[in-house]
Amino acid sequence: MTHSNIAGAINAAHAGVEAAKREGARYAVECGRLLDQAKETGPHGGWDA
């Protein structure tokens, strides 16, 4: 591999990491939204059951 090819591969891998972080954050927010929604369906303290 040439220096240029290696740099391109590094940049592509870095872009993949950045995309995965954004996607992970999106899923975390959705999880929180769904947990809030689920919390409204039961009485206070009902998570133990």
PDB file of N, CA and C in Angstrom:
ATOM      1  N   MET A   1       0.849  -1.187   0.000  1.00  0.00           N
ATOM      2  CA  MET A   1       0.000   0.000   0.000  1.00  0.00           C
ATOM      3  C   MET A   1       0.888   1.242   0.000  1.00  0.00           C
ATOM      4  N   THR A   2       0.441   2.225  -0.696  1.00  0.00           N
ATOM      5  CA  THR A   2       1.178   3.485  -0.698  1.00  0.00           C
ATOM      6  C   THR A   2       0.730   4.346   0.475  1.00  0.00           C
ATOM      7  N   HIS A   3       1.542   5.337   0.757  1.00  0.00           N
ATOM      8  CA  HIS A   3       1.220   6.268   1.842  1.00  0.00           C
ATOM      9  C   HIS A   3      -0.158   6.884   1.602  1.00  0.00           C
ATOM     10  N   SER A   4      -0.456   7.235   0.389  1.00  0.00           N
ATOM     11  CA  SER A   4      -1.733   7.843   0.033  1.00  0.00           C
ATOM     12  C   SER A   4      -2.891   6.868   0.269  1.00  0.00           C
ATOM     13  N   ASN A   5      -2.697   5.605  -0.091  1.00  0.00           N
ATOM     14  CA  ASN A   5      -3.749   4.602   0.111  1.00  0.00           C
ATOM     15  C   ASN A   5      -3.998   4.369   1.599  1.00  0.00           C
ATOM     16  N   ILE A   6      -2.908   4.331   2.375  1.00  0.00           N
ATOM     17  CA  ILE A   6      -3.056   4.128   3.819  1.00  0.00           C
ATOM     18  C   ILE A   6      -3.806   5.307   4.434  1.00  0.00           C
ATOM     19  N   ALA A   7      -3.457   6.515   4.045  1.00  0.00           N
ATOM     20  CA  ALA A   7      -4.140   7.705   4.567  1.00  0.00           C
ATOM     21  C   ALA A   7      -5.621   7.663   4.211  1.00  0.00           C
ATOM     22  N   GLY A   8      -5.924   7.258   3.006  1.00  0.00           N
ATOM     23  CA  GLY A   8      -7.329   7.150   2.597  1.00  0.00           C
ATOM     24  C   GLY A   8      -8.072   6.115   3.422  1.00  0.00           C
ATOM     25  N   ALA A   9      -7.415   4.986   3.699  1.00  0.00           N
ATOM     26  CA  ALA A   9      -8.044   3.931   4.504  1.00  0.00           C
ATOM     27  C   ALA A   9      -8.262   4.406   5.940  1.00  0.00           C
ATOM     28  N   ILE A  10      -7.294   5.138   6.478  1.00  0.00           N
ATOM     29  CA  ILE A  10      -7.436   5.683   7.831  1.00  0.00           C
ATOM     30  C   ILE A  10      -8.608   6.663   7.874  1.00  0.00           C
ATOM     31  N   ASN A  11      -8.678   7.541   6.898  1.00  0.00           N
ATOM     32  CA  ASN A  11      -9.781   8.516   6.862  1.00  0.00           C
ATOM     33  C   ASN A  11     -11.128   7.827   6.732  1.00  0.00           C
ATOM     34  N   ALA A  12     -11.198   6.772   5.928  1.00  0.00           N
ATOM     35  CA  ALA A  12     -12.455   6.035   5.774  1.00  0.00           C
ATOM     36  C   ALA A  12     -12.843   5.347   7.081  1.00  0.00           C
ATOM     37  N   ALA A  13     -11.857   4.760   7.753  1.00  0.00           N
ATOM     38  CA  ALA A  13     -12.140   4.102   9.033  1.00  0.00           C
ATOM     39  C   ALA A  13     -12.601   5.125  10.069  1.00  0.00           C
ATOM     40  N   HIS A  14     -11.963   6.285  10.084  1.00  0.00           N
ATOM     41  CA  HIS A  14     -12.354   7.340  11.019  1.00  0.00           C
ATOM     42  C   HIS A  14     -13.772   7.811  10.728  1.00  0.00           C
ATOM     43  N   ALA A  15     -14.107   7.966   9.473  1.00  0.00           N
ATOM     44  CA  ALA A  15     -15.470   8.365   9.107  1.00  0.00           C
ATOM     45  C   ALA A  15     -16.481   7.320   9.591  1.00  0.00           C
ATOM     46  N   GLY A  16     -16.106   6.052   9.514  1.00  0.00           N
ATOM     47  CA  GLY A  16     -16.977   4.987  10.009  1.00  0.00           C
ATOM     48  C   GLY A  16     -17.203   5.083  11.509  1.00  0.00           C
ATOM     49  N   VAL A  17     -16.149   5.406  12.238  1.00  0.00           N
ATOM     50  CA  VAL A  17     -16.272   5.578  13.686  1.00  0.00           C
ATOM     51  C   VAL A  17     -17.204   6.743  14.005  1.00  0.00           C
ATOM     52  N   GLU A  18     -17.019   7.845  13.315  1.00  0.00           N
ATOM     53  CA  GLU A  18     -17.873   9.018  13.549  1.00  0.00           C
ATOM     54  C   GLU A  18     -19.338   8.706  13.238  1.00  0.00           C
ATOM     55  N   ALA A  19     -19.578   7.991  12.157  1.00  0.00           N
ATOM     56  CA  ALA A  19     -20.954   7.616  11.806  1.00  0.00           C
ATOM     57  C   ALA A  19     -21.546   6.689  12.865  1.00  0.00           C
ATOM     58  N   ALA A  20     -20.742   5.760  13.368  1.00  0.00           N
ATOM     59  CA  ALA A  20     -21.220   4.837  14.398  1.00  0.00           C
ATOM     60  C   ALA A  20     -21.559   5.586  15.689  1.00  0.00           C
ATOM     61  N   LYS A  21     -20.764   6.598  16.033  1.00  0.00           N
ATOM     62  CA  LYS A  21     -21.065   7.391  17.223  1.00  0.00           C
ATOM     63  C   LYS A  21     -22.391   8.118  17.071  1.00  0.00           C
ATOM     64  N   ARG A  22     -22.622   8.703  15.897  1.00  0.00           N
ATOM     65  CA  ARG A  22     -23.897   9.400  15.666  1.00  0.00           C
ATOM     66  C   ARG A  22     -25.055   8.418  15.739  1.00  0.00           C
ATOM     67  N   GLU A  23     -24.889   7.269  15.137  1.00  0.00           N
ATOM     68  CA  GLU A  23     -25.945   6.255  15.143  1.00  0.00           C
ATOM     69  C   GLU A  23     -26.197   5.761  16.567  1.00  0.00           C
ATOM     70  N   GLY A  24     -25.127   5.549  17.317  1.00  0.00           N
ATOM     71  CA  GLY A  24     -25.278   5.114  18.707  1.00  0.00           C
ATOM     72  C   GLY A  24     -26.012   6.140  19.546  1.00  0.00           C
ATOM     73  N   ALA A  25     -25.698   7.398  19.356  1.00  0.00           N
ATOM     74  CA  ALA A  25     -26.381   8.468  20.088  1.00  0.00           C
ATOM     75  C   ALA A  25     -27.856   8.494  19.723  1.00  0.00           C
ATOM     76  N   ARG A  26     -28.158   8.280  18.457  1.00  0.00           N
ATOM     77  CA  ARG A  26     -29.555   8.274  18.019  1.00  0.00           C
ATOM     78  C   ARG A  26     -30.324   7.141  18.706  1.00  0.00           C
ATOM     79  N   TYR A  27     -29.712   5.958  18.798  1.00  0.00           N
ATOM     80  CA  TYR A  27     -30.352   4.828  19.470  1.00  0.00           C
ATOM     81  C   TYR A  27     -30.490   5.080  20.974  1.00  0.00           C
ATOM     82  N   ALA A  28     -29.514   5.730  21.587  1.00  0.00           N
ATOM     83  CA  ALA A  28     -29.593   6.033  23.012  1.00  0.00           C
ATOM     84  C   ALA A  28     -30.756   6.973  23.299  1.00  0.00           C
ATOM     85  N   VAL A  29     -30.925   7.985  22.462  1.00  0.00           N
ATOM     86  CA  VAL A  29     -32.042   8.917  22.631  1.00  0.00           C
ATOM     87  C   VAL A  29     -33.368   8.186  22.451  1.00  0.00           C
ATOM     88  N   GLU A  30     -33.456   7.327  21.461  1.00  0.00           N
ATOM     89  CA  GLU A  30     -34.689   6.560  21.230  1.00  0.00           C
ATOM     90  C   GLU A  30     -34.976   5.637  22.406  1.00  0.00           C
ATOM     91  N   CYS A  31     -33.958   5.026  22.963  1.00  0.00           N
ATOM     92  CA  CYS A  31     -34.131   4.163  24.131  1.00  0.00           C
ATOM     93  C   CYS A  31     -34.696   4.965  25.301  1.00  0.00           C
ATOM     94  N   GLY A  32     -34.142   6.133  25.545  1.00  0.00           N
ATOM     95  CA  GLY A  32     -34.642   6.986  26.615  1.00  0.00           C
ATOM     96  C   GLY A  32     -36.084   7.399  26.398  1.00  0.00           C
ATOM     97  N   ARG A  33     -36.417   7.722  25.150  1.00  0.00           N
ATOM     98  CA  ARG A  33     -37.801   8.098  24.833  1.00  0.00           C
ATOM     99  C   ARG A  33     -38.748   6.938  25.115  1.00  0.00           C
ATOM    100  N   LEU A  34     -38.353   5.733  24.718  1.00  0.00           N
ATOM    101  CA  LEU A  34     -39.197   4.559  24.948  1.00  0.00           C
ATOM    102  C   LEU A  34     -39.305   4.217  26.426  1.00  0.00           C
ATOM    103  N   LEU A  35     -38.207   4.395  27.187  1.00  0.00           N
ATOM    104  CA  LEU A  35     -38.274   4.168  28.633  1.00  0.00           C
ATOM    105  C   LEU A  35     -39.222   5.152  29.297  1.00  0.00           C
ATOM    106  N   ASP A  36     -39.188   6.411  28.886  1.00  0.00           N
ATOM    107  CA  ASP A  36     -40.140   7.391  29.418  1.00  0.00           C
ATOM    108  C   ASP A  36     -41.570   6.978  29.106  1.00  0.00           C
ATOM    109  N   GLN A  37     -41.789   6.501  27.903  1.00  0.00           N
ATOM    110  CA  GLN A  37     -43.121   6.055  27.491  1.00  0.00           C
ATOM    111  C   GLN A  37     -43.555   4.859  28.334  1.00  0.00           C
ATOM    112  N   ALA A  38     -42.656   3.904  28.540  1.00  0.00           N
ATOM    113  CA  ALA A  38     -42.985   2.711  29.328  1.00  0.00           C
ATOM    114  C   ALA A  38     -43.270   3.084  30.779  1.00  0.00           C
ATOM    115  N   LYS A  39     -42.540   4.063  31.296  1.00  0.00           N
ATOM    116  CA  LYS A  39     -42.711   4.480  32.689  1.00  0.00           C
ATOM    117  C   LYS A  39     -44.127   4.980  32.946  1.00  0.00           C
ATOM    118  N   GLU A  40     -44.734   5.557  31.937  1.00  0.00           N
ATOM    119  CA  GLU A  40     -46.082   6.098  32.092  1.00  0.00           C
ATOM    120  C   GLU A  40     -47.149   5.006  32.150  1.00  0.00           C
ATOM    121  N   THR A  41     -46.808   3.762  31.844  1.00  0.00           N
ATOM    122  CA  THR A  41     -47.804   2.695  31.784  1.00  0.00           C
ATOM    123  C   THR A  41     -47.992   1.964  33.097  1.00  0.00           C
ATOM    124  N   GLY A  42     -47.189   2.264  34.094  1.00  0.00           N
ATOM    125  CA  GLY A  42     -47.321   1.541  35.376  1.00  0.00           C
ATOM    126  C   GLY A  42     -47.243   2.479  36.549  1.00  0.00           C
ATOM    127  N   PRO A  43     -47.550   1.937  37.720  1.00  0.00           N
ATOM    128  CA  PRO A  43     -47.490   2.771  38.929  1.00  0.00           C
ATOM    129  C   PRO A  43     -46.040   3.059  39.336  1.00  0.00           C
ATOM    130  N   HIS A  44     -45.870   4.081  40.163  1.00  0.00           N
ATOM    131  CA  HIS A  44     -44.549   4.433  40.669  1.00  0.00           C
ATOM    132  C   HIS A  44     -43.950   3.229  41.407  1.00  0.00           C
ATOM    133  N   GLY A  45     -42.721   2.910  41.115  1.00  0.00           N
ATOM    134  CA  GLY A  45     -42.048   1.783  41.762  1.00  0.00           C
ATOM    135  C   GLY A  45     -42.362   0.437  41.143  1.00  0.00           C
ATOM    136  N   GLY A  46     -43.059   0.421  40.012  1.00  0.00           N
ATOM    137  CA  GLY A  46     -43.487  -0.831  39.406  1.00  0.00           C
ATOM    138  C   GLY A  46     -42.427  -1.494  38.544  1.00  0.00           C
ATOM    139  N   TRP A  47     -41.233  -0.912  38.450  1.00  0.00           N
ATOM    140  CA  TRP A  47     -40.197  -1.484  37.591  1.00  0.00           C
ATOM    141  C   TRP A  47     -39.647  -2.784  38.153  1.00  0.00           C
ATOM    142  N   ASP A  48     -39.707  -2.975  39.464  1.00  0.00           N
ATOM    143  CA  ASP A  48     -39.147  -4.195  40.052  1.00  0.00           C
ATOM    144  C   ASP A  48     -39.846  -5.459  39.569  1.00  0.00           C
ATOM    145  N   ALA A  49     -41.124  -5.363  39.366  1.00  0.00           N
ATOM    146  CA  ALA A  49     -41.886  -6.530  38.901  1.00  0.00           C
ATOM    147  C   ALA A  49     -41.460  -6.874  37.497  1.00  0.00           C
TER     148      ALA A  49
END
